[in-house]
Amino acid sequence: MISIDFTNTELERIRFEITDNFLTTLRFTTQDKKSSLHPVTLAKVFGELPSSISGPELVEGSRTAGIQKVFLKQLDAYFFGKLKKFDIKLKLQGTEFQKSVWRALQRIPYGQTRSYSDVARMIGKPKAVRAVANAVGKNRVAIIVPCHRVVRSDGSIGDYAWGKVLKKRLLDLESQTR
């Protein structure tokens, strides 16, 4: 059985899918990749609003049990800088090469970045930089498989499936709460 739910986070609305108690998809529902965040949202992310204002809240769907509750609690902690590594069961769907890239992304420490070349070396295929970039772009589990931590070799931010603005905000969040 597949459970599809949505939650509002500090940065964007997120769609997540759970199959057989495994998280299989976590995607931002961003339509306009160039949209900016409202200042109140940014203040909330960086802890400048009262603690009585809560973090992520399940706003649709009725199957709020087990892994969904754990996931939402961990997502909330992540956005408030209290969680550096997720402990959620994942079911990654892709080729073996893609899965090896996604596992390497999970080894990039919170608040740090690596280049596509670095990731290629991490998986033992230093010449597969373009293939690594392609696999990074096909990641279906944003944040938990932290593709936002991959930048270009020259240090510039590079692309992100949900836009450069959101990628920069995730990197800023992590660098300010390390």
N, C-alpha and C. Protein backbone atom coordinates (compact mmCIF):
# COMPACT_ATOMS: atom_id res chain seq x y z
N MET A 1 0.83 -1.18 0.00
CA MET A 1 0.00 0.00 0.00
C MET A 1 0.88 1.25 0.00
N ILE A 2 0.51 2.22 -0.80
CA ILE A 2 1.23 3.48 -0.87
C ILE A 2 0.42 4.55 -0.14
N SER A 3 1.08 5.25 0.74
CA SER A 3 0.48 6.37 1.46
C SER A 3 1.12 7.65 0.94
N ILE A 4 0.31 8.57 0.45
CA ILE A 4 0.81 9.84 -0.05
C ILE A 4 0.26 10.95 0.83
N ASP A 5 1.14 11.75 1.38
CA ASP A 5 0.73 12.84 2.26
C ASP A 5 1.53 14.09 1.95
N PHE A 6 1.10 15.19 2.50
CA PHE A 6 1.75 16.48 2.33
C PHE A 6 1.97 17.09 3.70
N THR A 7 3.01 17.90 3.80
CA THR A 7 3.24 18.66 5.02
C THR A 7 3.82 20.01 4.63
N ASN A 8 3.52 20.99 5.44
CA ASN A 8 4.12 22.31 5.25
C ASN A 8 5.36 22.37 6.12
N THR A 9 6.47 22.79 5.54
CA THR A 9 7.71 22.94 6.30
C THR A 9 8.08 24.41 6.34
N GLU A 10 9.19 24.68 6.97
CA GLU A 10 9.66 26.05 7.10
C GLU A 10 10.03 26.67 5.75
N LEU A 11 10.36 25.84 4.77
CA LEU A 11 10.79 26.37 3.49
C LEU A 11 9.76 26.21 2.39
N GLU A 12 9.16 25.08 2.30
CA GLU A 12 8.22 24.77 1.21
C GLU A 12 7.28 23.66 1.66
N ARG A 13 6.24 23.49 0.91
CA ARG A 13 5.34 22.35 1.11
C ARG A 13 6.04 21.12 0.53
N ILE A 14 5.90 20.00 1.23
CA ILE A 14 6.55 18.76 0.84
C ILE A 14 5.51 17.67 0.62
N ARG A 15 5.74 16.89 -0.41
CA ARG A 15 4.95 15.68 -0.66
C ARG A 15 5.83 14.50 -0.29
N PHE A 16 5.27 13.56 0.47
CA PHE A 16 6.04 12.37 0.78
C PHE A 16 5.19 11.13 0.58
N GLU A 17 5.88 10.07 0.18
CA GLU A 17 5.21 8.79 -0.07
C GLU A 17 5.86 7.72 0.79
N ILE A 18 5.01 6.88 1.34
CA ILE A 18 5.48 5.76 2.16
C ILE A 18 4.86 4.49 1.61
N THR A 19 5.72 3.49 1.39
CA THR A 19 5.29 2.19 0.90
C THR A 19 5.83 1.13 1.85
N ASP A 20 4.96 0.30 2.37
CA ASP A 20 5.37 -0.80 3.27
C ASP A 20 6.30 -0.31 4.37
N ASN A 21 5.96 0.80 5.00
CA ASN A 21 6.73 1.40 6.10
C ASN A 21 8.12 1.88 5.71
N PHE A 22 8.34 2.16 4.44
CA PHE A 22 9.57 2.76 3.96
C PHE A 22 9.23 4.08 3.29
N LEU A 23 10.01 5.10 3.57
CA LEU A 23 9.87 6.36 2.86
C LEU A 23 10.45 6.16 1.46
N THR A 24 9.66 6.44 0.43
CA THR A 24 10.13 6.24 -0.94
C THR A 24 10.29 7.55 -1.70
N THR A 25 9.58 8.58 -1.28
CA THR A 25 9.64 9.86 -1.99
C THR A 25 9.50 11.00 -1.01
N LEU A 26 10.31 12.03 -1.20
CA LEU A 26 10.20 13.28 -0.46
C LEU A 26 10.55 14.38 -1.45
N ARG A 27 9.54 15.11 -1.89
CA ARG A 27 9.74 16.14 -2.90
C ARG A 27 9.10 17.44 -2.47
N PHE A 28 9.77 18.51 -2.78
CA PHE A 28 9.17 19.82 -2.58
C PHE A 28 8.10 20.00 -3.66
N THR A 29 7.00 20.63 -3.31
CA THR A 29 5.93 20.82 -4.29
C THR A 29 6.06 22.17 -4.98
N THR A 30 7.23 22.73 -4.97
CA THR A 30 7.50 24.02 -5.58
C THR A 30 7.08 24.01 -7.05
N GLN A 31 6.26 24.96 -7.41
CA GLN A 31 5.89 25.12 -8.81
C GLN A 31 6.78 26.17 -9.46
N ASP A 32 6.96 27.29 -8.77
CA ASP A 32 7.78 28.38 -9.29
C ASP A 32 9.15 28.29 -8.64
N LYS A 33 10.13 27.79 -9.36
CA LYS A 33 11.46 27.56 -8.79
C LYS A 33 12.19 28.84 -8.44
N LYS A 34 11.68 29.98 -8.88
CA LYS A 34 12.35 31.24 -8.58
C LYS A 34 11.65 32.00 -7.46
N SER A 35 10.68 31.35 -6.80
CA SER A 35 9.95 32.04 -5.74
C SER A 35 10.86 32.26 -4.54
N SER A 36 10.60 33.31 -3.83
CA SER A 36 11.37 33.58 -2.63
C SER A 36 10.49 33.33 -1.42
N LEU A 37 11.10 33.21 -0.28
CA LEU A 37 10.37 32.93 0.94
C LEU A 37 9.93 34.21 1.63
N HIS A 38 8.83 34.12 2.28
CA HIS A 38 8.31 35.23 3.06
C HIS A 38 9.22 35.43 4.28
N PRO A 39 9.51 36.67 4.68
CA PRO A 39 10.40 36.92 5.81
C PRO A 39 9.98 36.21 7.10
N VAL A 40 8.68 36.05 7.33
CA VAL A 40 8.23 35.36 8.55
C VAL A 40 8.69 33.91 8.52
N THR A 41 8.65 33.29 7.34
CA THR A 41 9.12 31.92 7.22
C THR A 41 10.60 31.84 7.56
N LEU A 42 11.39 32.75 7.04
CA LEU A 42 12.82 32.75 7.34
C LEU A 42 13.08 32.97 8.82
N ALA A 43 12.33 33.88 9.43
CA ALA A 43 12.50 34.12 10.86
C ALA A 43 12.19 32.85 11.64
N LYS A 44 11.16 32.14 11.22
CA LYS A 44 10.78 30.91 11.90
C LYS A 44 11.87 29.85 11.76
N VAL A 45 12.46 29.76 10.56
CA VAL A 45 13.53 28.78 10.33
C VAL A 45 14.70 29.03 11.26
N PHE A 46 15.06 30.28 11.45
CA PHE A 46 16.24 30.58 12.24
C PHE A 46 15.92 30.92 13.69
N GLY A 47 14.74 30.50 14.15
CA GLY A 47 14.42 30.56 15.56
C GLY A 47 14.10 31.93 16.10
N GLU A 48 13.65 32.85 15.27
CA GLU A 48 13.37 34.20 15.74
C GLU A 48 11.89 34.41 16.07
N LEU A 49 11.08 33.38 15.96
CA LEU A 49 9.67 33.49 16.31
C LEU A 49 9.42 32.70 17.59
N PRO A 50 8.34 32.99 18.28
CA PRO A 50 8.05 32.27 19.53
C PRO A 50 7.97 30.77 19.32
N SER A 51 8.37 30.03 20.33
CA SER A 51 8.37 28.58 20.22
C SER A 51 6.95 28.02 20.17
N SER A 52 5.94 28.84 20.47
CA SER A 52 4.57 28.37 20.39
C SER A 52 4.12 28.14 18.95
N ILE A 53 4.88 28.67 17.98
CA ILE A 53 4.58 28.42 16.58
C ILE A 53 5.31 27.14 16.21
N SER A 54 4.54 26.13 15.81
CA SER A 54 5.14 24.82 15.61
C SER A 54 5.75 24.68 14.22
N GLY A 55 6.46 23.57 14.04
CA GLY A 55 7.09 23.27 12.77
C GLY A 55 6.15 22.51 11.85
N PRO A 56 6.66 21.52 11.10
CA PRO A 56 5.84 20.83 10.13
C PRO A 56 4.58 20.25 10.74
N GLU A 57 3.52 20.32 9.97
CA GLU A 57 2.24 19.82 10.43
C GLU A 57 1.59 19.06 9.28
N LEU A 58 1.08 17.89 9.55
CA LEU A 58 0.40 17.12 8.52
C LEU A 58 -0.89 17.83 8.18
N VAL A 59 -1.06 18.20 6.92
CA VAL A 59 -2.23 18.96 6.55
C VAL A 59 -3.16 18.20 5.61
N GLU A 60 -2.77 17.09 5.06
CA GLU A 60 -3.64 16.28 4.22
C GLU A 60 -3.33 14.82 4.47
N GLY A 61 -4.28 13.98 4.15
CA GLY A 61 -4.07 12.55 4.31
C GLY A 61 -4.57 12.09 5.66
N SER A 62 -4.88 10.82 5.74
CA SER A 62 -5.46 10.33 6.99
C SER A 62 -4.66 9.19 7.60
N ARG A 63 -3.59 8.76 6.97
CA ARG A 63 -2.81 7.63 7.49
C ARG A 63 -1.59 8.14 8.24
N THR A 64 -1.84 8.73 9.40
CA THR A 64 -0.76 9.36 10.17
C THR A 64 -0.31 8.41 11.28
N ALA A 65 0.35 7.36 10.92
CA ALA A 65 0.79 6.40 11.92
C ALA A 65 2.22 5.98 11.63
N GLY A 66 2.83 5.37 12.62
CA GLY A 66 4.15 4.76 12.43
C GLY A 66 5.19 5.68 11.84
N ILE A 67 5.67 5.31 10.68
CA ILE A 67 6.79 6.01 10.07
C ILE A 67 6.46 7.47 9.76
N GLN A 68 5.19 7.78 9.45
CA GLN A 68 4.83 9.16 9.18
C GLN A 68 5.09 10.06 10.39
N LYS A 69 4.71 9.58 11.55
CA LYS A 69 4.91 10.36 12.77
C LYS A 69 6.40 10.55 13.06
N VAL A 70 7.16 9.48 12.91
CA VAL A 70 8.61 9.55 13.13
C VAL A 70 9.24 10.52 12.13
N PHE A 71 8.85 10.37 10.86
CA PHE A 71 9.37 11.23 9.81
C PHE A 71 9.07 12.70 10.09
N LEU A 72 7.83 13.02 10.42
CA LEU A 72 7.45 14.42 10.65
C LEU A 72 8.19 15.00 11.86
N LYS A 73 8.38 14.20 12.89
CA LYS A 73 9.12 14.66 14.06
C LYS A 73 10.58 14.95 13.69
N GLN A 74 11.20 14.06 12.91
CA GLN A 74 12.58 14.26 12.49
C GLN A 74 12.71 15.45 11.53
N LEU A 75 11.75 15.61 10.64
CA LEU A 75 11.77 16.73 9.70
C LEU A 75 11.69 18.05 10.46
N ASP A 76 10.83 18.10 11.44
CA ASP A 76 10.70 19.30 12.29
C ASP A 76 12.04 19.61 12.97
N ALA A 77 12.66 18.59 13.55
CA ALA A 77 13.94 18.78 14.23
C ALA A 77 15.02 19.24 13.25
N TYR A 78 15.01 18.72 12.04
CA TYR A 78 15.98 19.13 11.01
C TYR A 78 15.85 20.63 10.74
N PHE A 79 14.63 21.08 10.50
CA PHE A 79 14.44 22.49 10.14
C PHE A 79 14.76 23.44 11.28
N PHE A 80 14.79 22.95 12.50
CA PHE A 80 15.18 23.80 13.63
C PHE A 80 16.61 23.53 14.08
N GLY A 81 17.39 22.84 13.23
CA GLY A 81 18.81 22.64 13.48
C GLY A 81 19.13 21.67 14.59
N LYS A 82 18.16 20.86 14.99
CA LYS A 82 18.38 19.92 16.09
C LYS A 82 18.66 18.50 15.62
N LEU A 83 18.53 18.26 14.33
CA LEU A 83 18.78 16.93 13.79
C LEU A 83 19.74 17.06 12.62
N LYS A 84 20.84 16.36 12.69
CA LYS A 84 21.87 16.43 11.64
C LYS A 84 21.81 15.23 10.70
N LYS A 85 21.24 14.12 11.14
CA LYS A 85 21.18 12.91 10.33
C LYS A 85 19.85 12.21 10.62
N PHE A 86 19.15 11.87 9.56
CA PHE A 86 17.86 11.21 9.70
C PHE A 86 18.01 9.73 9.98
N ASP A 87 17.05 9.19 10.72
CA ASP A 87 17.01 7.76 11.00
C ASP A 87 15.64 7.25 10.55
N ILE A 88 15.47 7.19 9.24
CA ILE A 88 14.21 6.79 8.62
C ILE A 88 14.52 5.65 7.66
N LYS A 89 13.67 4.64 7.64
CA LYS A 89 13.85 3.54 6.70
C LYS A 89 13.48 4.04 5.30
N LEU A 90 14.43 3.89 4.38
CA LEU A 90 14.23 4.32 3.00
C LEU A 90 14.15 3.12 2.07
N LYS A 91 13.38 3.27 1.02
CA LYS A 91 13.37 2.31 -0.07
C LYS A 91 13.71 3.11 -1.32
N LEU A 92 15.00 3.09 -1.66
CA LEU A 92 15.47 3.86 -2.81
C LEU A 92 15.17 3.09 -4.10
N GLN A 93 14.55 3.78 -5.04
CA GLN A 93 14.14 3.15 -6.29
C GLN A 93 14.94 3.74 -7.45
N GLY A 94 15.81 2.91 -8.00
CA GLY A 94 16.65 3.34 -9.10
C GLY A 94 17.60 2.22 -9.50
N THR A 95 18.52 2.55 -10.39
CA THR A 95 19.52 1.56 -10.80
C THR A 95 20.53 1.38 -9.66
N GLU A 96 21.32 0.33 -9.76
CA GLU A 96 22.36 0.11 -8.74
C GLU A 96 23.34 1.28 -8.70
N PHE A 97 23.67 1.83 -9.87
CA PHE A 97 24.57 2.98 -9.92
C PHE A 97 23.94 4.17 -9.19
N GLN A 98 22.68 4.47 -9.48
CA GLN A 98 22.01 5.57 -8.81
C GLN A 98 21.98 5.37 -7.31
N LYS A 99 21.66 4.17 -6.88
CA LYS A 99 21.61 3.88 -5.44
C LYS A 99 22.98 4.09 -4.79
N SER A 100 24.05 3.72 -5.50
CA SER A 100 25.39 3.92 -4.94
C SER A 100 25.68 5.42 -4.78
N VAL A 101 25.23 6.22 -5.74
CA VAL A 101 25.40 7.68 -5.63
C VAL A 101 24.58 8.21 -4.46
N TRP A 102 23.34 7.78 -4.33
CA TRP A 102 22.48 8.27 -3.26
C TRP A 102 23.00 7.88 -1.88
N ARG A 103 23.57 6.68 -1.78
CA ARG A 103 24.18 6.27 -0.50
C ARG A 103 25.39 7.16 -0.18
N ALA A 104 26.15 7.51 -1.21
CA ALA A 104 27.30 8.41 -1.01
C ALA A 104 26.83 9.78 -0.54
N LEU A 105 25.73 10.27 -1.09
CA LEU A 105 25.20 11.57 -0.67
C LEU A 105 24.86 11.56 0.82
N GLN A 106 24.37 10.43 1.30
CA GLN A 106 24.01 10.32 2.72
C GLN A 106 25.24 10.36 3.63
N ARG A 107 26.41 10.18 3.06
CA ARG A 107 27.64 10.25 3.86
C ARG A 107 28.24 11.66 3.89
N ILE A 108 27.67 12.60 3.15
CA ILE A 108 28.15 13.98 3.19
C ILE A 108 27.66 14.59 4.49
N PRO A 109 28.56 15.03 5.35
CA PRO A 109 28.14 15.54 6.65
C PRO A 109 27.26 16.79 6.56
N TYR A 110 26.37 16.90 7.50
CA TYR A 110 25.49 18.06 7.65
C TYR A 110 26.34 19.34 7.65
N GLY A 111 25.91 20.33 6.89
CA GLY A 111 26.61 21.60 6.87
C GLY A 111 27.83 21.64 5.96
N GLN A 112 28.11 20.54 5.27
CA GLN A 112 29.25 20.50 4.36
C GLN A 112 28.76 20.22 2.95
N THR A 113 29.61 20.49 1.97
CA THR A 113 29.28 20.20 0.58
C THR A 113 30.39 19.37 -0.05
N ARG A 114 30.03 18.74 -1.14
CA ARG A 114 30.99 18.01 -1.96
C ARG A 114 30.66 18.32 -3.41
N SER A 115 31.67 18.21 -4.27
CA SER A 115 31.45 18.43 -5.70
C SER A 115 30.99 17.12 -6.33
N TYR A 116 30.48 17.23 -7.55
CA TYR A 116 30.10 16.03 -8.29
C TYR A 116 31.32 15.13 -8.48
N SER A 117 32.48 15.73 -8.69
CA SER A 117 33.72 14.95 -8.83
C SER A 117 34.04 14.21 -7.53
N ASP A 118 33.85 14.89 -6.40
CA ASP A 118 34.07 14.23 -5.11
C ASP A 118 33.17 13.01 -4.95
N VAL A 119 31.91 13.17 -5.31
CA VAL A 119 30.96 12.06 -5.19
C VAL A 119 31.37 10.92 -6.12
N ALA A 120 31.81 11.25 -7.32
CA ALA A 120 32.28 10.20 -8.25
C ALA A 120 33.43 9.42 -7.63
N ARG A 121 34.35 10.12 -6.98
CA ARG A 121 35.46 9.44 -6.30
C ARG A 121 34.95 8.61 -5.11
N MET A 122 33.96 9.13 -4.40
CA MET A 122 33.41 8.41 -3.24
C MET A 122 32.86 7.05 -3.63
N ILE A 123 32.32 6.94 -4.84
CA ILE A 123 31.76 5.66 -5.27
C ILE A 123 32.74 4.83 -6.09
N GLY A 124 33.99 5.32 -6.18
CA GLY A 124 35.02 4.56 -6.89
C GLY A 124 34.96 4.66 -8.40
N LYS A 125 34.30 5.70 -8.92
CA LYS A 125 34.19 5.88 -10.37
C LYS A 125 34.53 7.33 -10.71
N PRO A 126 35.81 7.70 -10.58
CA PRO A 126 36.22 9.10 -10.72
C PRO A 126 35.95 9.72 -12.09
N LYS A 127 35.76 8.90 -13.11
CA LYS A 127 35.50 9.46 -14.44
C LYS A 127 34.00 9.57 -14.74
N ALA A 128 33.17 9.17 -13.83
CA ALA A 128 31.72 9.14 -14.06
C ALA A 128 31.02 10.40 -13.54
N VAL A 129 31.66 11.53 -13.66
CA VAL A 129 31.12 12.78 -13.09
C VAL A 129 29.75 13.12 -13.68
N ARG A 130 29.61 13.03 -14.98
CA ARG A 130 28.32 13.35 -15.60
C ARG A 130 27.24 12.37 -15.18
N ALA A 131 27.58 11.11 -15.10
CA ALA A 131 26.60 10.10 -14.67
C ALA A 131 26.20 10.34 -13.22
N VAL A 132 27.17 10.75 -12.39
CA VAL A 132 26.87 11.09 -10.99
C VAL A 132 25.91 12.27 -10.95
N ALA A 133 26.19 13.31 -11.73
CA ALA A 133 25.30 14.48 -11.75
C ALA A 133 23.90 14.09 -12.17
N ASN A 134 23.79 13.20 -13.13
CA ASN A 134 22.49 12.73 -13.59
C ASN A 134 21.77 11.97 -12.46
N ALA A 135 22.48 11.11 -11.76
CA ALA A 135 21.89 10.36 -10.65
C ALA A 135 21.46 11.29 -9.52
N VAL A 136 22.29 12.29 -9.23
CA VAL A 136 21.92 13.27 -8.19
C VAL A 136 20.61 13.94 -8.57
N GLY A 137 20.46 14.30 -9.83
CA GLY A 137 19.26 14.96 -10.30
C GLY A 137 18.02 14.09 -10.27
N LYS A 138 18.19 12.79 -10.20
CA LYS A 138 17.05 11.86 -10.17
C LYS A 138 16.69 11.42 -8.76
N ASN A 139 17.34 11.97 -7.77
CA ASN A 139 17.05 11.64 -6.38
C ASN A 139 15.59 11.96 -6.06
N ARG A 140 14.89 11.00 -5.49
CA ARG A 140 13.47 11.16 -5.14
C ARG A 140 13.25 11.46 -3.67
N VAL A 141 14.33 11.49 -2.89
CA VAL A 141 14.18 11.65 -1.44
C VAL A 141 15.00 12.86 -0.99
N ALA A 142 14.49 14.05 -1.30
CA ALA A 142 15.18 15.30 -0.94
C ALA A 142 15.45 15.35 0.56
N ILE A 143 16.43 16.12 0.95
CA ILE A 143 16.87 16.38 2.32
C ILE A 143 17.48 15.14 2.97
N ILE A 144 16.75 14.03 3.01
CA ILE A 144 17.26 12.82 3.67
C ILE A 144 18.39 12.20 2.86
N VAL A 145 18.24 12.20 1.54
CA VAL A 145 19.34 11.90 0.63
C VAL A 145 19.75 13.28 0.13
N PRO A 146 20.71 13.91 0.80
CA PRO A 146 20.95 15.36 0.66
C PRO A 146 21.64 15.81 -0.63
N CYS A 147 20.91 15.73 -1.73
CA CYS A 147 21.46 16.16 -3.01
C CYS A 147 21.75 17.67 -3.02
N HIS A 148 21.14 18.41 -2.10
CA HIS A 148 21.42 19.86 -2.03
C HIS A 148 22.84 20.15 -1.58
N ARG A 149 23.52 19.16 -1.02
CA ARG A 149 24.90 19.34 -0.55
C ARG A 149 25.94 19.16 -1.66
N VAL A 150 25.50 18.90 -2.88
CA VAL A 150 26.43 18.71 -4.00
C VAL A 150 26.50 20.00 -4.80
N VAL A 151 27.72 20.48 -4.98
CA VAL A 151 27.95 21.74 -5.69
C VAL A 151 28.92 21.48 -6.85
N ARG A 152 29.12 22.49 -7.65
CA ARG A 152 30.06 22.37 -8.77
C ARG A 152 31.50 22.39 -8.25
N SER A 153 32.41 21.92 -9.07
CA SER A 153 33.83 21.87 -8.68
C SER A 153 34.40 23.24 -8.36
N ASP A 154 33.87 24.29 -8.99
CA ASP A 154 34.36 25.64 -8.72
C ASP A 154 33.74 26.24 -7.46
N GLY A 155 32.90 25.46 -6.77
CA GLY A 155 32.28 25.93 -5.53
C GLY A 155 30.95 26.63 -5.73
N SER A 156 30.57 26.90 -6.98
CA SER A 156 29.28 27.55 -7.20
C SER A 156 28.15 26.55 -6.90
N ILE A 157 26.99 27.08 -6.63
CA ILE A 157 25.89 26.28 -6.10
C ILE A 157 25.38 25.20 -7.03
N GLY A 158 25.40 25.43 -8.32
CA GLY A 158 24.91 24.42 -9.26
C GLY A 158 23.39 24.34 -9.27
N ASP A 159 22.89 23.36 -9.98
CA ASP A 159 21.45 23.21 -10.15
C ASP A 159 20.83 22.44 -8.99
N TYR A 160 19.49 22.51 -8.93
CA TYR A 160 18.71 21.78 -7.94
C TYR A 160 17.33 21.57 -8.54
N ALA A 161 16.79 20.40 -8.39
CA ALA A 161 15.50 20.08 -9.00
C ALA A 161 14.40 21.06 -8.62
N TRP A 162 14.50 21.66 -7.45
CA TRP A 162 13.46 22.57 -6.97
C TRP A 162 13.93 24.02 -6.97
N GLY A 163 14.99 24.30 -7.69
CA GLY A 163 15.46 25.66 -7.86
C GLY A 163 16.65 26.02 -6.98
N LYS A 164 17.46 26.92 -7.49
CA LYS A 164 18.66 27.35 -6.78
C LYS A 164 18.36 28.11 -5.50
N VAL A 165 17.26 28.84 -5.47
CA VAL A 165 16.89 29.61 -4.27
C VAL A 165 16.67 28.65 -3.11
N LEU A 166 15.92 27.59 -3.34
CA LEU A 166 15.65 26.62 -2.27
C LEU A 166 16.93 25.89 -1.87
N LYS A 167 17.77 25.54 -2.84
CA LYS A 167 19.04 24.88 -2.52
C LYS A 167 19.89 25.76 -1.62
N LYS A 168 19.99 27.03 -1.97
CA LYS A 168 20.78 27.96 -1.17
C LYS A 168 20.21 28.08 0.24
N ARG A 169 18.91 28.11 0.37
CA ARG A 169 18.29 28.23 1.70
C ARG A 169 18.57 26.99 2.55
N LEU A 170 18.56 25.81 1.93
CA LEU A 170 18.90 24.59 2.68
C LEU A 170 20.36 24.62 3.12
N LEU A 171 21.25 25.03 2.22
CA LEU A 171 22.67 25.12 2.58
C LEU A 171 22.90 26.18 3.67
N ASP A 172 22.21 27.30 3.56
CA ASP A 172 22.32 28.35 4.59
C ASP A 172 21.81 27.85 5.93
N LEU A 173 20.69 27.16 5.92
CA LEU A 173 20.12 26.60 7.15
C LEU A 173 21.15 25.71 7.83
N GLU A 174 21.75 24.81 7.06
CA GLU A 174 22.71 23.87 7.65
C GLU A 174 23.98 24.56 8.11
N SER A 175 24.44 25.56 7.37
CA SER A 175 25.68 26.22 7.79
C SER A 175 25.47 27.07 9.04
N GLN A 176 24.25 27.56 9.25
CA GLN A 176 23.99 28.39 10.42
C GLN A 176 23.66 27.58 11.67
N THR A 177 23.38 26.30 11.50
CA THR A 177 23.00 25.48 12.67
C THR A 177 23.96 24.32 12.91
N ARG A 178 25.17 24.37 12.32
CA ARG A 178 26.11 23.26 12.51
C ARG A 178 26.56 23.18 13.90
